[in-house]
Amino acid sequence: MSTLLTLLIFVVIVSWNLHTSGDLFLEGPLTPQMKFHWGQKVLMLGLLEGLWAVISLKWLLPIFFDPLDLSKKQILVLVNGIVFSVGSGIYAMLEAS
C-alpha cells in the first residue's frame, strides 16, 4: 500500500504540473500578472516533482524494495521532465516581467 501511495503522489504531482503547463501555454492571451502567477505555479510544481522524485527513489521505495538501479535512459527521462517544467516556469515568469 505504501508503494502505491508513493507512486500515486508522484502521478498526481506530474498530472497537476501538465495541466497547469497546458493552461499556461495553450490558453488565449493572458495578462502579465496571470502569466507570472501561472509561471510561478509551474516552477513550484516542477521543483516539487524533482524533490518528490529524489525522496521517493532514494529513500522511500528502497525501504520496500531492494535499492533501485535505474538505467541512464530512465534517469535522463526523469531529469528532462523536471528541467523542462522548471525551465518553462522560469520562461513564463521572465516573459511576464
C-alpha atoms as a PDB file:
ATOM      1  CA  MET A   1       0.000   0.000   0.000  1.00  0.00           C
ATOM      2  CA  SER A   2       2.858   2.401   0.803  1.00  0.00           C
ATOM      3  CA  THR A   3       4.464   1.790  -2.583  1.00  0.00           C
ATOM      4  CA  LEU A   4       1.243   2.596  -4.413  1.00  0.00           C
ATOM      5  CA  LEU A   5       0.734   5.717  -2.310  1.00  0.00           C
ATOM      6  CA  THR A   6       4.267   6.895  -3.118  1.00  0.00           C
ATOM      7  CA  LEU A   7       3.696   6.391  -6.834  1.00  0.00           C
ATOM      8  CA  LEU A   8       0.194   7.894  -6.691  1.00  0.00           C
ATOM      9  CA  ILE A   9       1.568  11.086  -5.145  1.00  0.00           C
ATOM     10  CA  PHE A  10       4.133  11.313  -7.951  1.00  0.00           C
ATOM     11  CA  VAL A  11       1.447  10.785 -10.603  1.00  0.00           C
ATOM     12  CA  VAL A  12      -0.763  13.477  -9.031  1.00  0.00           C
ATOM     13  CA  ILE A  13       2.117  15.986  -8.980  1.00  0.00           C
ATOM     14  CA  VAL A  14       3.039  15.244 -12.606  1.00  0.00           C
ATOM     15  CA  SER A  15      -0.569  15.417 -13.857  1.00  0.00           C
ATOM     16  CA  TRP A  16      -1.196  18.678 -11.971  1.00  0.00           C
ATOM     17  CA  ASN A  17       2.005  20.043 -13.489  1.00  0.00           C
ATOM     18  CA  LEU A  18       0.981  19.017 -17.017  1.00  0.00           C
ATOM     19  CA  HIS A  19      -2.465  20.529 -16.568  1.00  0.00           C
ATOM     20  CA  THR A  20      -1.017  23.806 -15.280  1.00  0.00           C
ATOM     21  CA  SER A  21       1.573  23.940 -18.087  1.00  0.00           C
ATOM     22  CA  GLY A  22      -1.164  23.344 -20.639  1.00  0.00           C
ATOM     23  CA  ASP A  23      -3.247  26.148 -19.166  1.00  0.00           C
ATOM     24  CA  LEU A  24      -0.242  28.456 -19.246  1.00  0.00           C
ATOM     25  CA  PHE A  25       0.836  27.867 -22.836  1.00  0.00           C
ATOM     26  CA  LEU A  26      -2.393  26.879 -24.584  1.00  0.00           C
ATOM     27  CA  GLU A  27      -4.808  29.449 -23.178  1.00  0.00           C
ATOM     28  CA  GLY A  28      -5.584  32.599 -25.064  1.00  0.00           C
ATOM     29  CA  PRO A  29      -3.839  35.882 -24.348  1.00  0.00           C
ATOM     30  CA  LEU A  30      -3.065  36.218 -20.642  1.00  0.00           C
ATOM     31  CA  THR A  31      -2.292  39.367 -18.718  1.00  0.00           C
ATOM     32  CA  PRO A  32       1.277  39.711 -17.445  1.00  0.00           C
ATOM     33  CA  GLN A  33       0.111  39.137 -13.857  1.00  0.00           C
ATOM     34  CA  MET A  34      -1.636  35.911 -14.854  1.00  0.00           C
ATOM     35  CA  LYS A  35       1.423  34.705 -16.786  1.00  0.00           C
ATOM     36  CA  PHE A  36       3.652  35.456 -13.812  1.00  0.00           C
ATOM     37  CA  HIS A  37       1.282  33.631 -11.434  1.00  0.00           C
ATOM     38  CA  TRP A  38       0.970  30.562 -13.697  1.00  0.00           C
ATOM     39  CA  GLY A  39       4.731  30.611 -14.298  1.00  0.00           C
ATOM     40  CA  GLN A  40       5.315  30.570 -10.536  1.00  0.00           C
ATOM     41  CA  LYS A  41       2.901  27.683 -10.198  1.00  0.00           C
ATOM     42  CA  VAL A  42       4.628  25.638 -12.927  1.00  0.00           C
ATOM     43  CA  LEU A  43       8.031  26.416 -11.412  1.00  0.00           C
ATOM     44  CA  MET A  44       6.939  25.326  -7.931  1.00  0.00           C
ATOM     45  CA  LEU A  45       5.335  22.143  -9.267  1.00  0.00           C
ATOM     46  CA  GLY A  46       8.499  21.333 -11.210  1.00  0.00           C
ATOM     47  CA  LEU A  47      10.608  21.767  -8.081  1.00  0.00           C
ATOM     48  CA  LEU A  48       8.128  19.703  -6.069  1.00  0.00           C
ATOM     49  CA  GLU A  49       8.229  16.991  -8.739  1.00  0.00           C
ATOM     50  CA  GLY A  50      12.011  16.882  -8.574  1.00  0.00           C
ATOM     51  CA  LEU A  51      12.067  16.838  -4.790  1.00  0.00           C
ATOM     52  CA  TRP A  52       9.491  14.066  -4.580  1.00  0.00           C
ATOM     53  CA  ALA A  53      11.326  12.030  -7.233  1.00  0.00           C
ATOM     54  CA  VAL A  54      14.545  12.195  -5.223  1.00  0.00           C
ATOM     55  CA  ILE A  55      12.819  11.423  -1.926  1.00  0.00           C
ATOM     56  CA  SER A  56      10.834   8.513  -3.314  1.00  0.00           C
ATOM     57  CA  LEU A  57      13.641   6.965  -5.398  1.00  0.00           C
ATOM     58  CA  LYS A  58      16.417   7.386  -2.837  1.00  0.00           C
ATOM     59  CA  TRP A  59      14.615   6.819   0.482  1.00  0.00           C
ATOM     60  CA  LEU A  60      11.010   5.634   0.291  1.00  0.00           C
ATOM     61  CA  LEU A  61      10.973   2.957  -2.397  1.00  0.00           C
ATOM     62  CA  PRO A  62      14.241   1.247  -1.324  1.00  0.00           C
ATOM     63  CA  ILE A  63      12.596   0.617   2.070  1.00  0.00           C
ATOM     64  CA  PHE A  64      10.076  -1.673   0.363  1.00  0.00           C
ATOM     65  CA  PHE A  65      12.288  -2.997  -2.422  1.00  0.00           C
ATOM     66  CA  ASP A  66      15.955  -3.562  -2.943  1.00  0.00           C
ATOM     67  CA  PRO A  67      17.859  -0.399  -3.925  1.00  0.00           C
ATOM     68  CA  LEU A  68      16.579   0.725  -7.298  1.00  0.00           C
ATOM     69  CA  ASP A  69      19.119   0.631 -10.091  1.00  0.00           C
ATOM     70  CA  LEU A  70      17.726   2.928 -12.756  1.00  0.00           C
ATOM     71  CA  SER A  71      19.298   2.875 -16.175  1.00  0.00           C
ATOM     72  CA  LYS A  72      20.814   6.047 -17.602  1.00  0.00           C
ATOM     73  CA  LYS A  73      17.905   6.338 -20.024  1.00  0.00           C
ATOM     74  CA  GLN A  74      15.330   6.258 -17.197  1.00  0.00           C
ATOM     75  CA  ILE A  75      17.259   8.858 -15.209  1.00  0.00           C
ATOM     76  CA  LEU A  76      17.580  11.037 -18.324  1.00  0.00           C
ATOM     77  CA  VAL A  77      13.821  10.948 -18.953  1.00  0.00           C
ATOM     78  CA  LEU A  78      13.080  11.852 -15.329  1.00  0.00           C
ATOM     79  CA  VAL A  79      15.594  14.702 -15.238  1.00  0.00           C
ATOM     80  CA  ASN A  80      14.456  16.085 -18.614  1.00  0.00           C
ATOM     81  CA  GLY A  81      10.855  16.258 -17.428  1.00  0.00           C
ATOM     82  CA  ILE A  82      11.857  18.163 -14.314  1.00  0.00           C
ATOM     83  CA  VAL A  83      14.204  20.514 -16.196  1.00  0.00           C
ATOM     84  CA  PHE A  84      11.556  21.228 -18.845  1.00  0.00           C
ATOM     85  CA  SER A  85       8.991  22.049 -16.181  1.00  0.00           C
ATOM     86  CA  VAL A  86      11.301  24.339 -14.214  1.00  0.00           C
ATOM     87  CA  GLY A  87      12.559  25.972 -17.414  1.00  0.00           C
ATOM     88  CA  SER A  88       9.080  26.663 -18.746  1.00  0.00           C
ATOM     89  CA  GLY A  89       8.051  28.182 -15.410  1.00  0.00           C
ATOM     90  CA  ILE A  90      11.078  30.481 -15.408  1.00  0.00           C
ATOM     91  CA  TYR A  91      10.473  31.393 -19.061  1.00  0.00           C
ATOM     92  CA  ALA A  92       6.848  32.324 -18.366  1.00  0.00           C
ATOM     93  CA  MET A  93       7.854  34.437 -15.387  1.00  0.00           C
ATOM     94  CA  LEU A  94      10.550  36.271 -17.368  1.00  0.00           C
ATOM     95  CA  GLU A  95       8.182  36.811 -20.285  1.00  0.00           C
ATOM     96  CA  ALA A  96       5.609  38.345 -17.941  1.00  0.00           C
ATOM     97  CA  SER A  97       8.103  40.839 -16.476  1.00  0.00           C
END
